[in-house]
N, C-alpha and C. Protein backbone atom coordinates (compact mmCIF):
# COMPACT_ATOMS: atom_id res chain seq x y z
N MET A 1 123.95 101.05 93.99
CA MET A 1 123.76 99.81 93.26
C MET A 1 122.83 98.87 94.04
N LYS A 2 123.06 98.77 95.35
CA LYS A 2 122.25 97.85 96.16
C LYS A 2 120.79 98.28 96.19
N THR A 3 120.55 99.58 96.18
CA THR A 3 119.17 100.07 96.15
C THR A 3 118.51 99.72 94.83
N LEU A 4 119.25 99.81 93.74
CA LEU A 4 118.69 99.46 92.43
C LEU A 4 118.32 97.99 92.35
N VAL A 5 119.12 97.13 92.94
CA VAL A 5 118.82 95.70 92.93
C VAL A 5 117.53 95.43 93.71
N ILE A 6 117.41 96.03 94.87
CA ILE A 6 116.22 95.82 95.69
C ILE A 6 114.98 96.38 94.99
N VAL A 7 115.09 97.56 94.40
CA VAL A 7 113.96 98.16 93.69
C VAL A 7 113.60 97.32 92.46
N ALA A 8 114.60 96.81 91.76
CA ALA A 8 114.33 95.97 90.58
C ALA A 8 113.58 94.70 90.96
N ILE A 9 113.99 94.07 92.05
CA ILE A 9 113.29 92.86 92.50
C ILE A 9 111.87 93.21 92.93
N PHE A 10 111.71 94.34 93.60
CA PHE A 10 110.38 94.77 94.01
C PHE A 10 109.49 95.03 92.79
N LEU A 11 110.04 95.63 91.74
CA LEU A 11 109.27 95.85 90.53
C LEU A 11 108.90 94.54 89.85
N LEU A 12 109.80 93.56 89.89
CA LEU A 12 109.47 92.23 89.37
C LEU A 12 108.33 91.59 90.15
N ILE A 13 108.32 91.80 91.45
CA ILE A 13 107.23 91.28 92.28
C ILE A 13 105.91 91.91 91.86
N LEU A 14 105.91 93.23 91.68
CA LEU A 14 104.69 93.91 91.25
C LEU A 14 104.27 93.47 89.85
N TRP A 15 105.24 93.24 88.97
CA TRP A 15 104.94 92.77 87.62
C TRP A 15 104.24 91.40 87.68
N GLN A 16 104.75 90.50 88.51
CA GLN A 16 104.15 89.17 88.62
C GLN A 16 102.76 89.24 89.25
N LEU A 17 102.56 90.17 90.17
CA LEU A 17 101.24 90.36 90.74
C LEU A 17 100.26 90.84 89.67
N GLY A 18 100.69 91.77 88.85
CA GLY A 18 99.86 92.24 87.75
C GLY A 18 99.60 91.14 86.72
N ALA A 19 100.62 90.34 86.44
CA ALA A 19 100.45 89.23 85.50
C ALA A 19 99.43 88.23 86.03
N GLY A 20 99.49 87.96 87.33
CA GLY A 20 98.53 87.05 87.93
C GLY A 20 97.11 87.57 87.80
N LEU A 21 96.93 88.87 88.02
CA LEU A 21 95.61 89.48 87.87
C LEU A 21 95.15 89.41 86.42
N TYR A 22 96.05 89.70 85.49
CA TYR A 22 95.71 89.65 84.07
C TYR A 22 95.28 88.24 83.66
N TYR A 23 96.08 87.25 84.05
CA TYR A 23 95.74 85.87 83.69
C TYR A 23 94.44 85.42 84.34
N LEU A 24 94.18 85.90 85.54
CA LEU A 24 92.93 85.57 86.22
C LEU A 24 91.74 86.11 85.43
N MET A 25 91.87 87.32 84.90
CA MET A 25 90.77 87.93 84.16
C MET A 25 90.63 87.34 82.76
N VAL A 26 91.73 87.00 82.10
CA VAL A 26 91.70 86.56 80.71
C VAL A 26 91.42 85.07 80.58
N ASP A 27 92.06 84.25 81.38
CA ASP A 27 91.98 82.80 81.20
C ASP A 27 90.68 82.18 81.72
N LYS A 28 90.04 82.83 82.66
CA LYS A 28 88.78 82.31 83.23
C LYS A 28 88.92 80.89 83.78
N GLY A 29 90.08 80.58 84.35
CA GLY A 29 90.28 79.28 84.99
C GLY A 29 90.62 78.14 84.05
N GLU A 30 90.89 78.44 82.79
CA GLU A 30 91.19 77.39 81.82
C GLU A 30 92.63 76.91 81.87
N THR A 31 93.54 77.77 82.30
CA THR A 31 94.97 77.39 82.39
C THR A 31 95.45 77.63 83.81
N ASN A 32 96.69 77.24 84.05
CA ASN A 32 97.27 77.45 85.37
C ASN A 32 98.29 78.59 85.38
N ARG A 33 98.18 79.51 84.41
CA ARG A 33 99.13 80.63 84.35
C ARG A 33 99.00 81.55 85.56
N THR A 34 97.80 81.70 86.10
CA THR A 34 97.61 82.54 87.29
C THR A 34 98.39 81.97 88.47
N ALA A 35 98.26 80.68 88.67
CA ALA A 35 98.96 80.04 89.79
C ALA A 35 100.47 80.14 89.62
N LYS A 36 100.95 79.98 88.40
CA LYS A 36 102.39 80.08 88.15
C LYS A 36 102.90 81.49 88.40
N ALA A 37 102.15 82.50 87.97
CA ALA A 37 102.57 83.89 88.18
C ALA A 37 102.59 84.23 89.67
N LEU A 38 101.58 83.78 90.40
CA LEU A 38 101.55 84.08 91.84
C LEU A 38 102.59 83.28 92.61
N THR A 39 102.92 82.08 92.12
CA THR A 39 104.00 81.30 92.73
C THR A 39 105.34 82.00 92.53
N ARG A 40 105.57 82.54 91.34
CA ARG A 40 106.81 83.30 91.10
C ARG A 40 106.86 84.54 91.98
N ARG A 41 105.71 85.19 92.19
CA ARG A 41 105.66 86.37 93.06
C ARG A 41 106.04 86.02 94.48
N ILE A 42 105.53 84.90 94.97
CA ILE A 42 105.87 84.46 96.33
C ILE A 42 107.35 84.13 96.43
N ALA A 43 107.88 83.45 95.42
CA ALA A 43 109.30 83.10 95.43
C ALA A 43 110.17 84.36 95.40
N LEU A 44 109.80 85.33 94.57
CA LEU A 44 110.57 86.58 94.52
C LEU A 44 110.48 87.33 95.85
N SER A 45 109.31 87.35 96.46
CA SER A 45 109.15 88.03 97.76
C SER A 45 110.01 87.37 98.82
N PHE A 46 109.98 86.05 98.85
CA PHE A 46 110.80 85.32 99.82
C PHE A 46 112.28 85.56 99.56
N GLY A 47 112.67 85.55 98.29
CA GLY A 47 114.07 85.81 97.95
C GLY A 47 114.50 87.21 98.33
N LEU A 48 113.61 88.20 98.16
CA LEU A 48 113.95 89.57 98.53
C LEU A 48 114.13 89.70 100.04
N ILE A 49 113.27 89.06 100.80
CA ILE A 49 113.41 89.09 102.26
C ILE A 49 114.74 88.47 102.68
N ILE A 50 115.06 87.32 102.11
CA ILE A 50 116.33 86.65 102.44
C ILE A 50 117.51 87.54 102.03
N LEU A 51 117.44 88.16 100.86
CA LEU A 51 118.51 89.05 100.40
C LEU A 51 118.72 90.21 101.35
N VAL A 52 117.65 90.83 101.81
CA VAL A 52 117.77 91.97 102.72
C VAL A 52 118.36 91.53 104.06
N VAL A 53 117.91 90.39 104.58
CA VAL A 53 118.43 89.90 105.86
C VAL A 53 119.92 89.56 105.74
N VAL A 54 120.30 88.88 104.67
CA VAL A 54 121.70 88.51 104.47
C VAL A 54 122.55 89.77 104.28
N ALA A 55 122.05 90.73 103.49
CA ALA A 55 122.80 91.96 103.27
C ALA A 55 123.00 92.73 104.58
N ASN A 56 122.01 92.71 105.45
CA ASN A 56 122.15 93.36 106.75
C ASN A 56 123.19 92.63 107.61
N GLN A 57 123.14 91.33 107.60
CA GLN A 57 124.09 90.56 108.41
C GLN A 57 125.53 90.73 107.90
N MET A 58 125.69 90.86 106.58
CA MET A 58 127.03 91.02 106.00
C MET A 58 127.54 92.46 106.12
N GLY A 59 126.65 93.39 106.50
CA GLY A 59 127.06 94.77 106.65
C GLY A 59 126.96 95.59 105.38
N TRP A 60 126.38 95.03 104.33
CA TRP A 60 126.24 95.76 103.07
C TRP A 60 125.20 96.86 103.19
N ILE A 61 124.16 96.62 104.00
CA ILE A 61 123.15 97.62 104.27
C ILE A 61 122.93 97.66 105.78
N SER A 62 122.30 98.72 106.25
CA SER A 62 121.98 98.78 107.67
C SER A 62 120.56 99.33 107.82
N PHE A 63 119.84 98.80 108.76
CA PHE A 63 118.50 99.27 109.03
C PHE A 63 118.59 100.62 109.71
N HIS A 64 117.64 101.50 109.45
CA HIS A 64 117.73 102.86 109.94
C HIS A 64 117.12 103.05 111.33
N GLY A 65 116.45 102.07 111.89
CA GLY A 65 116.04 102.13 113.26
C GLY A 65 114.68 102.68 113.55
N VAL A 66 113.77 102.69 112.61
CA VAL A 66 112.40 103.15 112.88
C VAL A 66 111.75 102.18 113.84
N GLY A 67 111.17 102.69 114.89
CA GLY A 67 110.50 101.86 115.87
C GLY A 67 111.39 101.45 117.05
N ARG A 68 112.63 101.78 117.00
CA ARG A 68 113.53 101.46 118.12
C ARG A 68 113.40 102.52 119.21
N ALA A 69 113.61 102.09 120.44
CA ALA A 69 113.59 103.04 121.56
C ALA A 69 114.83 103.94 121.48
N PRO A 70 114.70 105.22 121.79
CA PRO A 70 115.86 106.14 121.70
C PRO A 70 116.93 105.87 122.74
């Protein structure tokens, strides 16, 4: 379940990135939809980072140790 939540948020981030690109190409600077889409992407990214850190601290997930000394 926890993996699905993280993947779902990641897909939302990618969706907002795509929406920002679409609005950039379609609106030609006439509206602020591009800025709103990219702002939502940043907020979702920040929220995902906070979620992963909190989940690690609570023991719900654990990091697998890539890059740690043996």
